[in-house]
N, C-alpha and C. Protein backbone atom coordinates (compact mmCIF):
# COMPACT_ATOMS: atom_id res chain seq x y z
N MET A 1 1.01 -0.94 -0.16
CA MET A 1 -0.17 -0.18 -0.10
C MET A 1 1.33 1.20 0.11
N GLU A 2 0.21 2.15 -0.68
CA GLU A 2 1.51 3.60 -0.40
C GLU A 2 0.99 4.10 0.38
N PRO A 3 2.20 4.58 0.79
CA PRO A 3 2.53 5.45 1.98
C PRO A 3 1.43 6.74 1.85
N THR A 4 1.14 7.24 3.27
CA THR A 4 0.64 8.66 3.99
C THR A 4 1.65 9.44 3.47
N VAL A 5 1.57 10.99 2.82
CA VAL A 5 2.16 11.67 3.32
C VAL A 5 1.24 13.57 3.71
N ILE A 6 1.48 13.80 4.26
CA ILE A 6 0.46 15.15 5.08
C ILE A 6 1.41 16.21 4.51
N LEU A 7 0.66 17.26 3.64
CA LEU A 7 1.54 18.18 3.21
C LEU A 7 0.52 19.78 3.58
N CYS A 8 1.70 20.48 4.38
CA CYS A 8 0.95 21.86 4.53
C CYS A 8 2.04 23.09 3.56
N ASN A 9 1.40 23.68 2.86
CA ASN A 9 1.86 24.47 2.08
C ASN A 9 3.17 23.89 1.37
N GLN A 10 3.13 22.68 0.79
CA GLN A 10 3.82 21.96 -0.26
C GLN A 10 4.77 21.44 0.40
N GLU A 11 4.68 21.42 1.89
CA GLU A 11 6.09 20.87 2.44
C GLU A 11 5.40 19.55 3.36
N VAL A 12 5.89 18.30 3.52
CA VAL A 12 5.88 17.49 4.09
C VAL A 12 6.17 17.46 5.40
N VAL A 13 4.82 17.14 6.45
CA VAL A 13 4.57 17.68 7.89
C VAL A 13 4.79 16.52 8.02
N ALA A 14 4.29 15.32 7.22
CA ALA A 14 4.64 13.99 8.61
C ALA A 14 3.71 13.12 7.33
N TYR A 15 4.19 11.82 7.82
CA TYR A 15 4.43 10.46 6.43
C TYR A 15 3.99 9.28 7.47
N ALA A 16 3.64 8.22 6.81
CA ALA A 16 3.38 7.09 7.62
C ALA A 16 3.00 5.82 6.80
N ASN A 17 3.02 4.44 6.85
CA ASN A 17 2.74 3.64 6.02
C ASN A 17 1.86 2.18 6.98
N PHE A 18 1.53 1.81 5.99
CA PHE A 18 1.09 -0.14 6.63
C PHE A 18 1.70 -1.27 6.70
N TYR A 19 1.94 -1.91 7.00
CA TYR A 19 2.36 -3.20 7.04
C TYR A 19 1.79 -4.33 7.59
N ASP A 20 2.20 -5.70 7.23
CA ASP A 20 1.40 -6.73 7.68
C ASP A 20 -0.07 -6.70 7.97
N HIS A 21 -0.58 -6.60 7.01
CA HIS A 21 -2.18 -6.40 6.83
C HIS A 21 -2.46 -7.92 7.05
N ASP A 22 -3.26 -8.14 8.10
CA ASP A 22 -3.46 -9.64 8.42
C ASP A 22 -5.18 -9.75 8.05
N GLY A 23 -5.61 -8.88 6.97
CA GLY A 23 -7.45 -8.72 7.08
C GLY A 23 -8.03 -8.39 8.34
N ASP A 24 -7.62 -8.39 9.93
CA ASP A 24 -8.46 -7.73 11.02
C ASP A 24 -7.70 -6.52 11.60
N SER A 25 -6.18 -6.57 11.22
CA SER A 25 -5.43 -5.72 11.84
C SER A 25 -4.32 -5.53 10.50
N CYS A 26 -3.27 -4.42 11.14
CA CYS A 26 -2.20 -4.08 10.33
C CYS A 26 -1.51 -3.15 11.08
N TRP A 27 -0.22 -3.43 10.89
CA TRP A 27 0.40 -2.04 11.92
C TRP A 27 1.06 -0.80 11.17
N LEU A 28 1.08 0.16 11.60
CA LEU A 28 1.57 1.82 11.17
C LEU A 28 2.89 1.42 11.39
N GLY A 29 3.70 1.90 10.32
CA GLY A 29 5.20 1.69 10.17
C GLY A 29 5.78 3.49 10.04
N ASN A 30 6.93 3.60 10.09
CA ASN A 30 7.96 4.91 9.73
C ASN A 30 6.74 5.76 9.80
N VAL A 31 6.37 5.91 10.99
CA VAL A 31 5.82 7.00 11.28
C VAL A 31 6.68 8.38 12.00
N ILE A 32 6.63 9.21 11.08
CA ILE A 32 7.70 10.14 10.86
C ILE A 32 7.06 11.56 10.66
N VAL A 33 7.33 12.54 11.75
CA VAL A 33 7.16 14.21 11.82
C VAL A 33 8.21 15.21 11.95
N PRO A 34 8.73 15.88 10.69
CA PRO A 34 9.53 16.61 10.88
C PRO A 34 10.03 17.15 12.35
N PRO A 35 11.26 17.43 12.62
CA PRO A 35 11.00 18.37 14.23
C PRO A 35 10.57 19.63 14.21
N ASP A 36 10.85 20.34 12.93
CA ASP A 36 9.74 21.83 13.09
C ASP A 36 8.41 21.34 13.64
N TYR A 37 7.46 20.06 12.64
CA TYR A 37 6.10 19.96 13.13
C TYR A 37 5.57 19.47 14.61
N GLN A 38 6.94 18.82 15.03
CA GLN A 38 6.54 18.13 16.10
C GLN A 38 5.61 18.63 17.27
N GLY A 39 4.92 18.61 17.89
CA GLY A 39 4.39 19.46 19.01
C GLY A 39 3.13 20.30 18.48
N LYS A 40 3.04 20.20 17.87
CA LYS A 40 1.90 21.01 16.53
C LYS A 40 0.62 20.35 16.04
N GLY A 41 0.67 19.01 16.78
CA GLY A 41 -1.28 18.38 16.14
C GLY A 41 -0.84 17.35 14.88
N ALA A 42 0.51 17.96 14.12
CA ALA A 42 0.95 17.22 12.73
C ALA A 42 0.62 15.32 12.97
N SER A 43 1.18 14.90 14.29
CA SER A 43 1.23 13.36 14.24
C SER A 43 -0.15 12.81 14.80
N GLN A 44 -0.86 13.72 15.72
CA GLN A 44 -2.46 13.48 15.57
C GLN A 44 -3.12 13.29 15.03
N TYR A 45 -2.74 14.35 13.61
CA TYR A 45 -3.51 14.50 12.73
C TYR A 45 -3.31 13.43 11.76
N LEU A 46 -2.03 12.94 11.58
CA LEU A 46 -1.48 12.07 10.73
C LEU A 46 -2.44 10.57 11.33
N ILE A 47 -2.45 9.99 12.87
CA ILE A 47 -3.02 9.53 13.03
C ILE A 47 -4.48 9.02 12.97
N ARG A 48 -5.23 9.71 12.95
CA ARG A 48 -6.39 9.92 12.36
C ARG A 48 -6.60 9.42 10.95
N VAL A 49 -6.05 10.43 10.41
CA VAL A 49 -6.23 9.83 9.15
C VAL A 49 -6.30 8.17 8.50
N MET A 50 -4.77 8.28 9.14
CA MET A 50 -4.29 6.14 9.19
C MET A 50 -5.75 5.69 9.32
N GLU A 51 -6.12 6.25 10.94
CA GLU A 51 -7.08 5.44 11.27
C GLU A 51 -8.71 4.87 10.21
N ILE A 52 -8.49 6.37 9.49
CA ILE A 52 -9.86 6.42 8.46
C ILE A 52 -9.52 5.51 7.66
N ILE A 53 -8.32 5.59 7.20
CA ILE A 53 -7.47 4.75 5.47
C ILE A 53 -7.75 3.56 5.67
N GLY A 54 -7.04 2.77 7.52
CA GLY A 54 -7.43 1.73 7.95
C GLY A 54 -8.69 1.35 7.81
N ARG A 55 -9.40 2.17 7.95
CA ARG A 55 -10.97 1.59 8.66
C ARG A 55 -11.60 1.31 7.04
N GLU A 56 -11.72 2.33 6.24
CA GLU A 56 -12.51 2.44 4.97
C GLU A 56 -11.90 1.69 3.67
N LYS A 57 -10.59 1.89 3.74
CA LYS A 57 -9.50 1.29 2.43
C LYS A 57 -9.34 -0.68 2.89
N LEU A 58 -8.79 -0.52 4.28
CA LEU A 58 -8.19 -1.97 4.30
C LEU A 58 -9.28 -2.85 5.28
N LYS A 59 -10.54 -2.00 5.64
CA LYS A 59 -11.45 -2.53 5.97
C LYS A 59 -10.92 -3.44 7.39
N VAL A 60 -9.90 -2.91 8.25
CA VAL A 60 -9.36 -3.52 9.65
C VAL A 60 -10.20 -2.48 10.92
N GLN A 61 -10.18 -3.83 12.15
CA GLN A 61 -10.48 -3.21 12.92
C GLN A 61 -9.62 -2.80 14.13
N ARG A 62 -8.76 -2.83 13.81
CA ARG A 62 -7.00 -2.58 14.80
C ARG A 62 -6.16 -1.94 13.92
N LEU A 63 -5.84 -1.10 14.62
CA LEU A 63 -3.90 -0.59 14.12
C LEU A 63 -3.14 -0.77 15.20
N LYS A 64 -2.24 -1.56 14.69
CA LYS A 64 -0.90 -1.19 16.03
C LYS A 64 0.37 -0.72 15.57
N LEU A 65 0.89 0.12 16.71
CA LEU A 65 1.93 0.91 16.46
C LEU A 65 2.88 1.29 17.27
N VAL A 66 3.75 0.55 17.00
CA VAL A 66 5.10 0.72 18.44
C VAL A 66 6.35 1.41 18.46
N CYS A 67 6.50 2.06 19.66
CA CYS A 67 7.58 3.35 19.51
C CYS A 67 8.53 2.74 20.25
N HIS A 68 9.57 2.95 19.83
CA HIS A 68 10.99 2.20 20.26
C HIS A 68 11.12 3.26 21.17
N ASN A 69 11.56 2.59 22.63
CA ASN A 69 12.49 3.60 23.54
C ASN A 69 13.61 4.23 22.80
N THR A 70 14.21 4.55 21.77
CA THR A 70 14.93 5.15 21.52
C THR A 70 14.54 6.34 21.00
N ASN A 71 12.95 6.44 20.81
CA ASN A 71 12.13 7.61 20.24
C ASN A 71 11.73 8.52 21.29
N THR A 72 12.95 9.27 21.59
CA THR A 72 12.64 10.55 22.81
C THR A 72 11.41 11.11 22.56
N ARG A 73 11.11 11.71 21.24
CA ARG A 73 9.93 12.40 20.89
C ARG A 73 8.70 12.06 20.54
N GLY A 74 8.83 10.52 20.64
CA GLY A 74 7.66 9.57 20.43
C GLY A 74 6.25 10.37 21.59
N SER A 75 5.91 11.02 22.30
CA SER A 75 5.24 11.56 23.53
C SER A 75 3.75 11.21 22.91
N PHE A 76 3.61 11.37 21.50
CA PHE A 76 2.13 11.30 21.16
C PHE A 76 1.70 10.04 21.63
N ARG A 77 2.37 8.85 21.64
CA ARG A 77 1.58 7.81 21.86
C ARG A 77 1.28 7.84 23.64
N ARG A 78 1.19 9.04 24.39
CA ARG A 78 1.20 8.83 25.66
C ARG A 78 -0.71 9.98 25.55
N ARG A 79 -0.78 10.54 24.59
CA ARG A 79 -1.60 11.51 24.37
C ARG A 79 -3.04 10.82 23.18
N LEU A 80 -2.92 9.77 22.66
CA LEU A 80 -3.87 9.25 21.41
C LEU A 80 -4.85 8.44 22.49
N PRO A 81 -6.05 8.21 22.74
CA PRO A 81 -6.91 7.82 23.58
C PRO A 81 -6.61 6.00 23.15
N SER A 82 -6.47 4.99 24.13
CA SER A 82 -6.63 3.96 23.77
C SER A 82 -7.92 3.28 23.66
N LYS A 83 -7.63 2.50 22.37
CA LYS A 83 -9.26 1.62 21.75
C LYS A 83 -8.97 0.30 22.27
N ARG A 84 -8.99 -0.30 23.38
CA ARG A 84 -9.08 -1.47 23.75
C ARG A 84 -10.57 -2.23 23.47
């Protein structure tokens, strides 16, 4: 599946892709937000867009995401609501 790129004034502000789609769920990968756009809602918007694409195009019930402990800026994971 093609990656998702969020643009603002022709500039990339967020990027992600799906992988390991197993029918009911898939993983989000390569979630990237450039430093200039971190803390400004770009990652939250990207995750919402990915949820919509996952539901509507891939027909998944669950998205999975891992933030590595070396990702010290991955704080959006704490602010997103858990859907268990």
